[in-house]
């Protein structure tokens, strides 16, 4: 895939036309810098995505402010909006997400976010 196709893949995820989990390679890696690394699609789903969704009353939306695609990488700057935990806490983090795409699937996600906010809201669950 080229830069344009890779960008369309990530745009499809952020627009809700594609599901992130369906676009992950089986051996994908998701690194949340300053927190943890998740290896493989199954671990990403069971140890990161599902537990996060179980803690949320509303996932809100992601507002993308910048997206750059070059070769096999797509970099997204975004902020969460209207995210609320089941305990009523706001969780509107900001993100820089770097996606590496191989053979039409996401092979690696490097996530940079406000880990102090993440730990303040979810620390008791981690």
Foldseek 3Di string as FASTA:
>chain_A
DFQVLLVVLVVCCQVVVDPQLVQADQQAWEAAPPPDIAGGSVRCVPVPVVVVVQFWPDQAHKDWPDWDTHGQKIWTWIWGDPTATPVGDDDTKTWIWIFGDDPRGTRYIYIYIDVVSVCVVCVVVD
